[in-house]
Structures are given as structure tokens and as C-alpha cells.
């Protein structure tokens, strides 16, 4: 499964420079690995960021009755 996430700085403040984006890339990569997911792509602008995450379906997901 693929999930596309967008995160926005509070009040659309311009806080995400290149250094911050690189730090977030490391952080999100480690977080995805901990959840057995893969960070396929990440990029950002000065006031928001984009993540594309791929993860395998699990047996603990939503089940119908």
C-alpha cells in the first residue's frame, strides 16, 4: 500500500530549509523502518513537506464482519 502525506508548519511559517528537510528525511526514514515501511520519497518547500510511504498490508488491519 502507498500513502501520500503532507505536513504543514503552523501558520504556514517558512521554517523548512534544506538542513531541516535533511534532518526530517533521516528521522522519517528511521521511523518508517521501525514500522516495517519504506520511505519511497520525501521533499519539501519552506512551509510544508511531502512524504510517500509504502508499507505491506498486515493481518492486524481492518477486518469486516
N, C-alpha and C. Protein backbone atom coordinates (compact mmCIF):
# COMPACT_ATOMS: atom_id res chain seq x y z
N UNK A 1 0.84 -1.16 0.00
CA UNK A 1 0.00 0.00 0.00
C UNK A 1 0.89 1.23 0.00
N UNK A 2 0.42 2.28 -0.63
CA UNK A 2 1.14 3.55 -0.65
C UNK A 2 0.31 4.62 0.05
N UNK A 3 0.98 5.47 0.79
CA UNK A 3 0.33 6.59 1.46
C UNK A 3 1.10 7.85 1.11
N UNK A 4 0.38 8.88 0.74
CA UNK A 4 0.98 10.18 0.44
C UNK A 4 0.57 11.14 1.55
N UNK A 5 1.55 11.66 2.27
CA UNK A 5 1.29 12.54 3.40
C UNK A 5 1.86 13.93 3.13
N UNK A 6 1.15 14.93 3.59
CA UNK A 6 1.63 16.31 3.53
C UNK A 6 1.58 16.86 4.94
N UNK A 7 2.68 17.44 5.40
CA UNK A 7 2.67 18.08 6.70
C UNK A 7 2.99 19.55 6.52
N UNK A 8 2.33 20.38 7.30
CA UNK A 8 2.40 21.83 7.13
C UNK A 8 2.87 22.45 8.44
N UNK A 9 3.74 23.44 8.34
CA UNK A 9 4.18 24.18 9.53
C UNK A 9 3.02 25.03 10.05
N UNK A 10 2.99 25.21 11.36
CA UNK A 10 1.94 26.01 11.97
C UNK A 10 1.95 27.41 11.35
N UNK A 11 0.78 27.89 11.02
CA UNK A 11 0.58 29.20 10.38
C UNK A 11 1.32 29.32 9.06
N UNK A 12 1.66 28.18 8.45
CA UNK A 12 2.40 28.14 7.18
C UNK A 12 3.70 28.94 7.29
N UNK A 13 4.32 28.90 8.47
CA UNK A 13 5.59 29.58 8.69
C UNK A 13 6.66 28.98 7.78
N UNK A 14 7.56 29.79 7.34
CA UNK A 14 8.62 29.35 6.44
C UNK A 14 9.82 28.88 7.27
N UNK A 15 9.74 27.62 7.75
CA UNK A 15 10.75 27.10 8.67
C UNK A 15 11.54 25.91 8.10
N UNK A 16 11.14 25.35 7.00
CA UNK A 16 11.81 24.17 6.46
C UNK A 16 12.84 24.56 5.42
N UNK A 17 14.09 24.74 5.86
CA UNK A 17 15.17 24.99 4.91
C UNK A 17 15.81 23.65 4.55
N UNK A 18 16.85 23.67 3.75
CA UNK A 18 17.48 22.43 3.30
C UNK A 18 17.99 21.57 4.45
N UNK A 19 18.56 22.19 5.47
CA UNK A 19 19.08 21.44 6.62
C UNK A 19 17.95 20.73 7.36
N UNK A 20 16.85 21.42 7.57
CA UNK A 20 15.71 20.82 8.28
C UNK A 20 15.13 19.67 7.46
N UNK A 21 15.00 19.84 6.17
CA UNK A 21 14.48 18.77 5.30
C UNK A 21 15.37 17.54 5.39
N UNK A 22 16.69 17.73 5.39
CA UNK A 22 17.61 16.59 5.50
C UNK A 22 17.49 15.89 6.85
N UNK A 23 17.31 16.65 7.92
CA UNK A 23 17.11 16.04 9.24
C UNK A 23 15.81 15.25 9.29
N UNK A 24 14.75 15.83 8.73
CA UNK A 24 13.46 15.14 8.71
C UNK A 24 13.54 13.87 7.87
N UNK A 25 14.29 13.91 6.79
CA UNK A 25 14.46 12.73 5.94
C UNK A 25 15.06 11.58 6.76
N UNK A 26 16.07 11.88 7.55
CA UNK A 26 16.68 10.87 8.41
C UNK A 26 15.68 10.36 9.45
N UNK A 27 14.99 11.28 10.11
CA UNK A 27 14.02 10.92 11.14
C UNK A 27 12.89 10.07 10.57
N UNK A 28 12.29 10.51 9.46
CA UNK A 28 11.19 9.76 8.87
C UNK A 28 11.64 8.41 8.33
N UNK A 29 12.86 8.34 7.80
CA UNK A 29 13.38 7.06 7.32
C UNK A 29 13.51 6.05 8.45
N UNK A 30 14.03 6.49 9.60
CA UNK A 30 14.16 5.60 10.77
C UNK A 30 12.79 5.20 11.30
N UNK A 31 11.86 6.14 11.32
CA UNK A 31 10.51 5.85 11.81
C UNK A 31 9.82 4.83 10.91
N UNK A 32 9.94 5.00 9.61
CA UNK A 32 9.34 4.04 8.68
C UNK A 32 9.95 2.66 8.86
N UNK A 33 11.27 2.59 9.02
CA UNK A 33 11.94 1.30 9.21
C UNK A 33 11.44 0.62 10.48
N UNK A 34 11.19 1.39 11.53
CA UNK A 34 10.68 0.82 12.78
C UNK A 34 9.29 0.21 12.59
N UNK A 35 8.52 0.73 11.65
CA UNK A 35 7.18 0.22 11.37
C UNK A 35 7.16 -0.73 10.18
N UNK A 36 8.35 -1.18 9.75
CA UNK A 36 8.49 -2.08 8.60
C UNK A 36 7.88 -1.49 7.34
N UNK A 37 8.04 -0.19 7.18
CA UNK A 37 7.57 0.52 5.99
C UNK A 37 8.79 1.08 5.28
N UNK A 38 8.58 1.58 4.08
CA UNK A 38 9.67 2.16 3.30
C UNK A 38 9.32 3.59 2.92
N UNK A 39 10.22 4.51 3.20
CA UNK A 39 10.05 5.89 2.77
C UNK A 39 10.51 5.96 1.33
N UNK A 40 9.57 6.03 0.41
CA UNK A 40 9.87 6.00 -1.02
C UNK A 40 10.42 7.35 -1.47
N UNK A 41 9.80 8.41 -1.00
CA UNK A 41 10.21 9.75 -1.45
C UNK A 41 9.84 10.77 -0.40
N UNK A 42 10.69 11.79 -0.27
CA UNK A 42 10.38 12.90 0.61
C UNK A 42 10.97 14.16 0.00
N UNK A 43 10.19 15.22 0.07
CA UNK A 43 10.65 16.52 -0.41
C UNK A 43 9.89 17.57 0.36
N UNK A 44 10.28 18.80 0.22
CA UNK A 44 9.58 19.84 0.93
C UNK A 44 9.81 21.21 0.35
N UNK A 45 9.02 22.12 0.81
CA UNK A 45 9.14 23.53 0.49
C UNK A 45 9.44 24.23 1.81
N UNK A 46 9.46 25.54 1.82
CA UNK A 46 9.80 26.24 3.06
C UNK A 46 8.68 26.23 4.10
N UNK A 47 7.45 25.86 3.71
CA UNK A 47 6.34 25.86 4.67
C UNK A 47 5.59 24.53 4.76
N UNK A 48 6.01 23.52 4.01
CA UNK A 48 5.36 22.20 4.08
C UNK A 48 6.29 21.12 3.52
N UNK A 49 5.93 19.86 3.81
CA UNK A 49 6.71 18.73 3.31
C UNK A 49 5.80 17.65 2.76
N UNK A 50 6.38 16.79 1.93
CA UNK A 50 5.65 15.69 1.29
C UNK A 50 6.36 14.38 1.59
N UNK A 51 5.58 13.36 1.88
CA UNK A 51 6.12 12.02 2.11
C UNK A 51 5.34 11.01 1.28
N UNK A 52 6.05 10.09 0.67
CA UNK A 52 5.42 8.95 0.03
C UNK A 52 5.94 7.71 0.74
N UNK A 53 5.05 6.99 1.41
CA UNK A 53 5.42 5.84 2.23
C UNK A 53 4.75 4.59 1.66
N UNK A 54 5.52 3.52 1.58
CA UNK A 54 4.98 2.23 1.14
C UNK A 54 5.09 1.27 2.31
N UNK A 55 4.01 0.55 2.56
CA UNK A 55 4.04 -0.43 3.63
C UNK A 55 3.20 -1.64 3.24
N UNK A 56 3.63 -2.80 3.73
CA UNK A 56 2.88 -4.01 3.39
C UNK A 56 1.61 -4.12 4.20
N UNK A 57 0.55 -4.68 3.63
CA UNK A 57 -0.67 -4.89 4.42
C UNK A 57 -0.37 -5.92 5.51
N UNK A 58 -0.99 -5.76 6.66
CA UNK A 58 -0.77 -6.67 7.78
C UNK A 58 -2.06 -7.38 8.14
N UNK A 59 -1.93 -8.45 8.87
CA UNK A 59 -3.12 -9.19 9.29
C UNK A 59 -3.84 -8.48 10.41
N UNK A 60 -3.20 -7.49 11.02
CA UNK A 60 -3.84 -6.76 12.12
C UNK A 60 -4.64 -5.56 11.65
N UNK A 61 -4.90 -5.47 10.37
CA UNK A 61 -5.61 -4.32 9.82
C UNK A 61 -7.12 -4.40 10.05
N UNK A 62 -7.84 -3.59 9.35
CA UNK A 62 -9.30 -3.54 9.47
C UNK A 62 -9.91 -4.81 8.89
N UNK A 63 -10.81 -5.40 9.62
CA UNK A 63 -11.46 -6.62 9.17
C UNK A 63 -12.96 -6.41 9.11
N UNK A 64 -13.59 -7.00 8.12
CA UNK A 64 -15.04 -6.90 8.03
C UNK A 64 -15.68 -8.08 8.78
N UNK A 65 -16.91 -7.90 9.26
CA UNK A 65 -17.57 -8.97 9.99
C UNK A 65 -18.54 -9.73 9.14
